Protein backbone atom coordinates (compact mmCIF):
# COMPACT_ATOMS: atom_id res chain seq x y z
CA MET A 1 -17.50 -16.45 2.55
CA ASP A 2 -14.14 -15.17 3.95
CA ILE A 3 -10.86 -14.72 1.95
CA PHE A 4 -7.54 -14.50 3.71
CA LEU A 5 -5.02 -13.38 1.32
CA ALA A 6 -1.24 -14.80 1.56
CA HIS A 7 2.00 -13.87 0.84
CA GLU A 8 2.76 -11.58 -2.47
CA ASP A 9 -1.20 -11.29 -3.18
CA SER A 10 -1.93 -10.12 0.13
CA LEU A 11 0.62 -7.30 -0.11
CA LYS A 12 -0.73 -6.36 -3.58
CA VAL A 13 -4.28 -5.49 -1.92
CA LEU A 14 -2.60 -4.32 1.36
CA ARG A 15 -1.01 -1.51 -1.04
CA HIS A 16 -4.00 -1.02 -2.75
CA ALA A 17 -6.30 -0.56 0.37
CA ARG A 18 -3.75 1.94 1.90
CA ARG A 19 -4.14 4.41 -1.41
CA THR A 20 -7.68 3.96 -2.34
CA GLY A 21 -9.77 6.40 -0.58
CA ASP A 22 -13.09 4.02 -0.88
CA LEU A 23 -10.88 1.28 0.87
CA ALA A 24 -10.05 0.97 4.81
CA LEU A 25 -8.13 -1.50 7.27
CA ILE A 26 -9.54 -2.70 10.75
CA PRO A 27 -8.11 -5.46 13.19
CA ALA A 28 -9.08 -8.79 12.27
CA ASP A 29 -10.98 -10.02 15.28
CA ARG A 30 -9.87 -13.63 16.71
CA GLU A 31 -13.29 -14.77 15.50
CA ALA A 32 -12.76 -14.01 12.17
CA ILE A 33 -9.93 -16.48 12.00
CA GLN A 34 -11.54 -19.27 14.11
CA ARG A 35 -15.06 -19.57 12.25
CA ASP A 36 -16.36 -21.44 9.56
CA HIS A 37 -14.80 -19.68 6.38
CA GLY A 38 -17.26 -21.61 4.03
CA ARG A 39 -16.46 -23.04 0.41
CA ILE A 40 -14.42 -20.79 -1.87
CA ASP A 41 -16.42 -20.31 -4.96
CA ALA A 42 -14.44 -19.16 -8.01
CA SER A 43 -16.94 -16.89 -9.49
CA SER A 44 -17.53 -14.95 -5.80
CA LEU A 45 -13.89 -14.83 -5.09
CA VAL A 46 -13.23 -13.04 -8.23
CA SER A 47 -15.94 -10.63 -7.87
CA ALA A 48 -14.79 -9.81 -4.40
CA LEU A 49 -11.49 -9.03 -4.92
CA PRO A 50 -10.15 -5.65 -6.30
CA GLY A 51 -9.87 -6.33 -10.00
CA ASP A 52 -7.61 -4.04 -10.99
CA VAL A 53 -4.42 -5.52 -8.67
CA LEU A 54 -5.68 -9.28 -8.46
CA ALA A 55 -7.35 -10.96 -11.24
CA PRO A 56 -7.06 -14.91 -10.61
CA THR A 57 -7.16 -17.73 -12.75
CA ARG A 58 -6.08 -20.86 -13.33
CA ALA A 59 -2.48 -19.96 -15.08
CA GLN A 60 -2.40 -17.11 -11.84
CA PRO A 61 -3.82 -18.83 -8.90
CA VAL A 62 -4.61 -16.45 -5.91
CA SER A 63 -2.41 -17.49 -2.61
CA LEU A 64 -5.13 -18.09 0.18
CA ARG A 65 -4.52 -19.12 3.88
CA PHE A 66 -6.28 -21.69 5.32
CA ALA A 67 -6.29 -23.44 8.97
CA ASP A 68 -4.47 -26.25 8.02
CA ASP A 69 -3.96 -29.11 5.19
CA ALA A 70 -7.78 -30.54 5.80
CA SER A 71 -9.64 -27.21 5.13
CA ARG A 72 -7.29 -26.69 2.25
CA SER A 73 -9.87 -25.48 -0.98
CA GLN A 74 -9.86 -27.39 -4.28
CA CYS A 75 -10.85 -24.45 -5.94
CA GLY A 76 -8.67 -24.45 -9.60
CA ILE A 77 -7.55 -20.43 -9.07
CA VAL A 78 -6.59 -20.83 -5.24
CA ARG A 79 -3.04 -21.27 -4.40
CA ALA A 80 -3.90 -22.98 -0.60
CA VAL A 81 -1.32 -21.61 2.08
CA PRO A 82 -1.83 -23.70 5.08
CA ASN A 83 -1.53 -22.75 9.28
CA LEU A 84 -3.94 -20.02 9.49
CA ALA A 85 -4.64 -21.96 12.79
CA ARG A 86 -1.50 -21.46 14.15
CA LEU A 87 -1.46 -17.70 13.97
CA PRO A 88 -1.86 -15.28 16.95
CA ASP A 89 -3.95 -12.37 17.16
CA GLY A 90 -2.78 -9.61 15.44
CA SER A 91 -1.77 -11.38 12.33
CA TYR A 92 -4.71 -10.03 10.02
CA LEU A 93 -6.66 -6.82 9.07
CA GLU A 94 -10.22 -6.94 7.28
CA LEU A 95 -10.65 -5.07 4.67
CA ILE A 96 -13.83 -2.65 4.84
CA SER A 97 -15.32 0.23 3.01
CA SER A 98 -14.14 3.66 3.96
CA SER A 99 -17.72 4.03 5.24
CA GLY A 100 -17.21 1.63 7.49
CA GLY A 101 -19.40 -1.00 6.45
CA PRO A 102 -18.25 -4.42 4.74
CA LEU A 103 -17.38 -4.94 0.99
CA PRO A 104 -19.99 -5.77 -1.62
CA ALA A 105 -21.57 -9.12 -1.04
CA ALA A 106 -20.89 -11.16 -4.08
CA ALA A 107 -23.49 -12.91 -5.39
CA GLY A 108 -26.01 -12.04 -2.34
CA GLU A 109 -23.39 -13.88 0.05
CA PRO A 110 -21.48 -12.26 2.43
CA VAL A 111 -17.71 -11.70 1.41
CA HIS A 112 -14.99 -10.61 4.48
CA VAL A 113 -11.44 -9.95 2.78
CA PHE A 114 -8.34 -9.90 4.75
CA VAL A 115 -4.51 -9.33 4.11
CA GLU A 116 -1.61 -9.68 6.32
CA ALA A 117 -0.98 -7.29 8.64
CA ALA A 118 2.53 -5.63 8.92
CA GLY A 119 4.06 -7.96 11.17
CA LEU A 120 3.25 -11.49 9.27
CA SER A 121 3.82 -9.23 5.79
CA LEU A 122 7.32 -8.99 6.53
CA LEU A 123 7.35 -12.81 7.79
CA SER A 124 5.80 -13.64 4.66
CA ALA A 125 8.44 -11.27 2.81
CA ALA A 126 11.17 -12.93 5.00
CA GLN A 127 10.16 -16.41 3.72
CA SER A 128 10.16 -15.13 0.01
CA LEU A 129 13.78 -13.52 0.17
CA GLY A 130 15.07 -16.34 2.37
CA GLU A 131 14.30 -18.37 -0.19
CA LEU A 132 16.24 -16.42 -2.93
CA VAL A 133 19.13 -16.46 -0.38
CA ARG A 134 19.37 -20.25 0.19
CA ARG A 135 19.29 -20.28 -3.45
CA GLU A 136 22.06 -18.16 -3.88
CA ARG A 137 20.31 -15.25 -6.01
CA LEU A 138 20.64 -12.78 -3.38
CA THR A 139 22.56 -12.30 -0.06
CA ARG A 140 21.67 -12.63 3.36
CA ASN A 141 22.94 -8.95 3.79
CA ALA A 142 20.78 -7.74 0.83
CA ALA A 143 17.57 -9.19 2.15
CA LEU A 144 17.95 -7.99 5.53
CA VAL A 145 18.66 -4.40 3.97
CA ARG A 146 15.33 -4.87 1.32
CA LEU A 147 13.29 -6.22 4.45
CA SER A 148 13.93 -3.46 6.84
CA GLY A 149 13.12 -0.77 4.05
CA PHE A 150 10.00 -2.94 3.48
CA ILE A 151 8.87 -2.59 7.30
CA MET A 152 9.56 1.19 7.15
CA GLU A 153 7.01 1.33 4.15
CA LEU A 154 4.21 -0.16 6.47
CA CYS A 155 4.91 1.47 9.27
CA GLY A 156 5.79 4.72 7.44
CA SER A 157 3.19 7.61 5.51
CA TYR A 158 3.82 6.30 2.22
CA ALA A 159 2.64 3.28 0.11
CA ARG A 160 4.42 1.97 -3.16
CA ASP A 161 2.67 1.03 -6.35
CA PRO A 162 0.97 -2.58 -5.84
CA LEU A 163 1.96 -3.95 -9.00
CA SER A 164 5.15 -1.88 -9.50
CA PRO A 165 6.60 -1.35 -6.44
CA SER A 166 10.27 -0.45 -7.17
CA ALA A 167 9.43 2.01 -10.63
CA GLY A 168 5.69 2.72 -9.81
CA GLU A 169 4.45 6.13 -8.59
CA VAL A 170 4.48 6.49 -4.66
CA ALA A 171 1.51 7.67 -2.82
CA TYR A 172 2.16 10.35 0.05
CA ASP A 173 0.81 11.24 3.11
CA LEU A 174 -1.25 7.79 4.38
CA PRO A 175 -1.72 6.84 7.88
CA PRO A 176 0.80 4.07 8.79
CA VAL A 177 -0.35 0.21 9.29
CA SER A 178 1.88 -0.54 12.18
CA SER A 179 4.49 0.32 13.89
CA VAL A 180 8.00 -1.31 14.53
CA ALA A 181 7.06 -2.09 18.24
CA GLU A 182 3.52 -3.79 17.04
CA ALA A 183 5.40 -5.73 14.28
CA THR A 184 8.14 -6.89 16.59
CA SER A 185 5.62 -8.01 18.91
CA PHE A 186 4.06 -10.01 16.54
CA LEU A 187 7.35 -12.11 15.52
CA GLU A 188 7.82 -12.83 19.14
CA SER A 189 4.85 -14.61 19.10
CA VAL A 190 5.40 -16.71 15.96
CA SER A 191 9.34 -17.74 16.40
CA GLY A 192 8.73 -20.91 15.74
CA LEU A 193 7.64 -19.94 12.00
CA HIS A 194 9.57 -20.24 8.79
CA GLY A 195 11.47 -17.17 7.78
CA HIS A 196 11.42 -15.47 11.80
CA THR A 197 14.81 -14.75 12.31
CA LEU A 198 15.33 -13.07 9.06
CA ALA A 199 12.21 -10.67 9.56
CA ASN A 200 12.83 -10.20 13.36
CA MET A 201 16.71 -8.88 12.27
CA ALA A 202 15.30 -6.70 9.83
CA ALA A 203 12.64 -5.27 12.10
CA GLY A 204 15.59 -4.39 14.64
CA TYR A 205 17.17 -2.11 12.38
CA ALA A 206 13.88 -0.31 11.17
CA ASN A 207 12.12 2.60 12.00
CA ASP A 208 8.95 4.35 12.48
CA GLY A 209 7.57 7.50 10.41
CA SER A 210 9.39 7.75 7.39
CA GLY A 211 7.50 9.53 4.65
CA SER A 212 9.41 8.30 1.43
CA THR A 213 11.25 5.83 -0.11
CA MET A 214 14.32 7.99 0.03
CA GLU A 215 13.92 8.99 3.68
CA THR A 216 13.91 5.36 4.23
CA LEU A 217 16.97 4.96 2.24
CA TRP A 218 18.68 7.57 3.97
CA TYR A 219 17.84 6.57 7.26
CA HIS A 220 19.33 3.37 6.24
CA ALA A 221 22.63 5.01 5.35
CA PHE A 222 22.45 7.03 8.71
CA CYS A 223 21.89 3.97 11.39
CA LEU A 224 22.72 0.59 9.80
CA PRO A 225 26.06 -1.13 10.92
CA PRO A 226 28.65 -1.20 8.69
CA ARG A 227 28.51 -4.46 7.77
CA LEU A 228 24.79 -3.66 5.89
CA GLY A 229 26.26 -0.69 4.60
CA GLY A 230 25.55 2.52 7.37
CA MET A 231 27.25 4.77 9.72
CA HIS A 232 25.26 3.16 12.61
CA LEU A 233 24.51 6.65 13.88
CA GLN A 234 22.34 7.82 16.66
CA ARG A 235 18.69 6.84 15.17
CA PRO A 236 16.79 10.03 14.92
CA LEU A 237 13.10 10.99 15.25
CA GLN A 238 11.48 10.77 11.69
CA ASN A 239 8.97 13.27 10.89
CA ALA A 240 8.14 14.38 14.57
CA PRO A 241 6.80 17.44 15.23
CA LEU A 242 9.21 20.23 17.27
CA GLU A 243 7.89 22.53 19.36
CA TRP A 244 10.09 26.17 19.12
CA PRO A 245 11.27 27.87 22.44
CA ASP A 246 9.13 30.15 23.87
CA GLU A 247 11.39 33.04 23.29
CA VAL A 248 11.63 32.82 19.08
CA SER A 249 7.57 31.72 18.60
CA ASN A 250 6.75 35.29 17.34
CA LEU A 251 10.03 34.97 14.94
CA VAL A 252 9.39 32.12 13.00
CA SER A 253 7.39 31.52 9.99
CA HIS A 254 6.39 28.16 11.32
CA GLN A 255 5.00 27.18 14.73
CA THR A 256 6.17 23.93 14.43
CA MET A 257 7.75 21.61 11.69
CA ARG A 258 8.50 18.01 11.35
CA PRO A 259 11.83 17.51 9.85
CA ASP A 260 12.71 14.22 8.13
CA PHE A 261 15.51 13.63 10.48
CA TYR A 262 15.97 15.20 13.51
CA TRP A 263 18.78 14.46 16.02
CA ALA A 264 18.42 16.41 19.16
CA LEU A 265 22.01 15.44 20.83
CA TYR A 266 23.64 17.00 17.66
CA HIS A 267 21.10 19.68 17.40
CA ALA A 268 20.76 18.99 13.36
CA ALA A 269 17.88 18.70 11.18
CA CYS A 270 17.85 16.67 8.00
CA GLU A 271 14.99 16.84 4.97
CA HIS A 272 14.99 15.39 1.87
CA GLN A 273 13.86 17.60 -1.12
CA GLY A 274 12.15 15.62 -3.02
CA LYS A 275 10.00 17.71 -4.96
CA ASP A 276 10.42 20.67 -7.46
CA HIS A 277 12.44 23.89 -5.58
CA ALA A 278 12.92 25.99 -8.29
CA SER A 279 9.94 27.94 -8.13
CA GLU A 280 10.00 31.59 -6.68
CA GLU A 281 7.00 30.56 -3.97
CA ALA A 282 9.35 26.78 -2.93
CA LEU A 283 12.45 29.32 -2.61
CA ALA A 284 10.88 31.57 -0.25
CA GLU A 285 9.32 28.19 1.84
CA ASP A 286 13.14 26.74 1.79
CA CYS A 287 14.45 30.47 3.01
CA ASP A 288 11.62 30.57 5.64
CA ARG A 289 12.08 26.93 7.00
CA ALA A 290 16.46 27.63 6.96
CA ARG A 291 15.99 30.66 8.76
CA ASP A 292 13.29 28.95 11.13
CA TYR A 293 15.94 26.11 12.06
CA GLU A 294 18.77 28.87 12.74
CA LEU A 295 16.43 30.72 14.90
CA CYS A 296 16.35 27.73 16.86
CA GLY A 297 19.61 26.49 17.21
CA ILE A 298 19.16 23.68 15.00
CA ASP A 299 21.80 22.92 11.57
CA TYR A 300 19.52 22.55 8.96
CA PHE A 301 21.13 19.78 6.15
CA PRO A 302 18.77 19.59 3.21
CA VAL A 303 19.69 16.60 1.20
CA THR A 304 18.64 16.05 -2.75
CA LYS A 305 18.53 13.03 -5.10
CA LYS A 306 21.75 14.42 -6.74
CA ASP A 307 23.28 13.15 -3.04
CA ALA A 308 21.89 9.48 -3.61
CA ARG A 309 22.96 9.50 -7.07
CA SER A 310 25.95 7.28 -6.62
CA GLU A 311 27.74 5.70 -3.32
CA LYS A 312 31.08 8.16 -3.97
CA ALA A 313 28.07 10.96 -3.74
CA VAL A 314 26.03 9.28 -0.48
CA ARG A 315 29.98 8.93 1.03
CA ALA A 316 30.47 12.70 0.54
CA PHE A 317 27.08 13.77 1.84
CA LEU A 318 27.71 11.20 5.01
CA ALA A 319 31.13 12.95 5.74
CA GLN A 320 29.67 16.05 6.00
CA LEU A 321 27.30 14.74 8.59
CA VAL A 322 30.29 13.41 10.30
CA GLU A 323 31.74 16.82 10.50
CA LYS A 324 28.64 18.38 12.07
CA PHE A 325 28.51 15.93 14.79
CA ALA A 326 31.68 15.38 15.64
CA PRO A 327 32.09 18.19 18.31
CA TYR A 328 29.01 16.84 20.47
CA GLU A 329 30.78 13.12 20.50
CA GLY A 330 34.35 12.12 21.56
CA PRO A 331 37.47 12.95 20.43
CA SER A 332 37.76 9.28 18.61
CA PHE A 333 34.30 9.37 16.66
CA LYS A 334 36.04 11.24 13.29
CA ARG A 335 38.11 8.65 13.40
CA ARG A 336 36.17 5.58 13.34
CA MET A 337 33.47 7.40 11.43
CA ARG A 338 36.44 8.17 8.77
CA GLN A 339 37.01 4.15 8.67
CA ARG A 340 33.65 3.53 8.16
CA LEU A 341 33.51 5.87 5.38
CA ASP A 342 36.14 4.75 3.74
CA ASP A 343 36.63 1.19 4.10
CA PRO A 344 36.48 -0.82 1.29
CA ASP A 345 33.81 -3.31 2.96
CA VAL A 346 31.78 -0.83 4.20
CA VAL A 347 32.10 0.92 0.66
CA LEU A 348 30.88 -2.13 -1.08
CA ALA A 349 27.90 -3.06 1.89
CA ARG A 350 26.58 0.83 1.26
CA SER A 351 26.40 0.22 -2.71
CA VAL A 352 24.25 -3.01 -1.93
CA LEU A 353 22.16 -0.83 0.47
CA LEU A 354 21.64 1.27 -2.59
CA SER A 355 21.04 -0.99 -5.09
CA GLN A 356 17.89 -2.58 -2.76
CA LEU A 357 16.46 0.70 -1.52
CA ARG A 358 17.02 3.45 -4.25
CA PRO A 359 13.90 3.64 -6.33
CA ALA A 360 13.99 2.48 -10.05
CA SER A 361 13.45 6.41 -11.33
CA GLN A 362 17.00 7.23 -9.25
CA ARG A 363 18.93 4.59 -10.33
CA TRP A 364 21.34 6.63 -12.52
CA GLN A 365 24.80 5.17 -13.74
CA ASP A 366 27.06 4.84 -10.57
CA GLU A 367 29.80 7.29 -11.07
CA ASP A 368 32.08 4.82 -9.02
CA ALA A 369 31.05 1.87 -11.73
């Protein structure tokens, strides 16, 4: 029996698999999509799914994708989604055990569980958010910001909680599911499917390498166009290793570092201080990092959760970056950036950006409200 999860149910299992040491994900080959998937048996389906994130019932059926309308399952705990046959290679990932073997069989029958790969997962999210836009429950710009943040999670090293993505605990230091380039390539091959335009636009704004929800928020504040609340700054490298110059290699405390954000043009690095830095050990590490950056001619800008407590606080931090970057740009740079900082429409868009990307645990009362 083959189980091709779809939409939100697929995303729950994808996030669960990334966070669980007993599971792994591998690309599904084309033969898996084209073969006879077998009849969906309710008891086998329930036993094959991770019960702590998915427990389908008649009242809450699970979304599964099928080749076409004719192959839809009539199982009472399944919500059938057609069009599997229309999807290209790279659409799905197979869920396997971390040892490389298949998942345990259900009732003696081999079971293969598949989840949507990053590109298809983004497309599914775009379809859901697009419906909210059409019903005027969400603006198109808010949907684009949320989708761009979503694909950066899958192309980054963190995973949100499967059951409580906004407020739950985030898992860190995970291998990415995909890259933005791979997701974009997938979207180019499914241009006729619903939600494609919104998904493709969101992928165009996203970046690889984000290490946390707050890094994703700050990347968007730095780099999105002003109509979406960003400053449209040059895209930084995220969490990419920096090699120090040979002349200081015997002086620095770290032989290499991976700043959250690094702009080579501006000789600047920015890091989000998301952990407790009050201990003596943490303070010593912060000092070592700051000195290492200074020795290598890199200006170091730490940013904390306080800097994201409100739109006004974000604007103040962005103004500091602009001041630092201005000497490396043309004479009109500072004027253009100041306009983006203070324009009422951009300020409103920046507030929308924060509302879509700031974790629930850090959504304090906005001081500007």
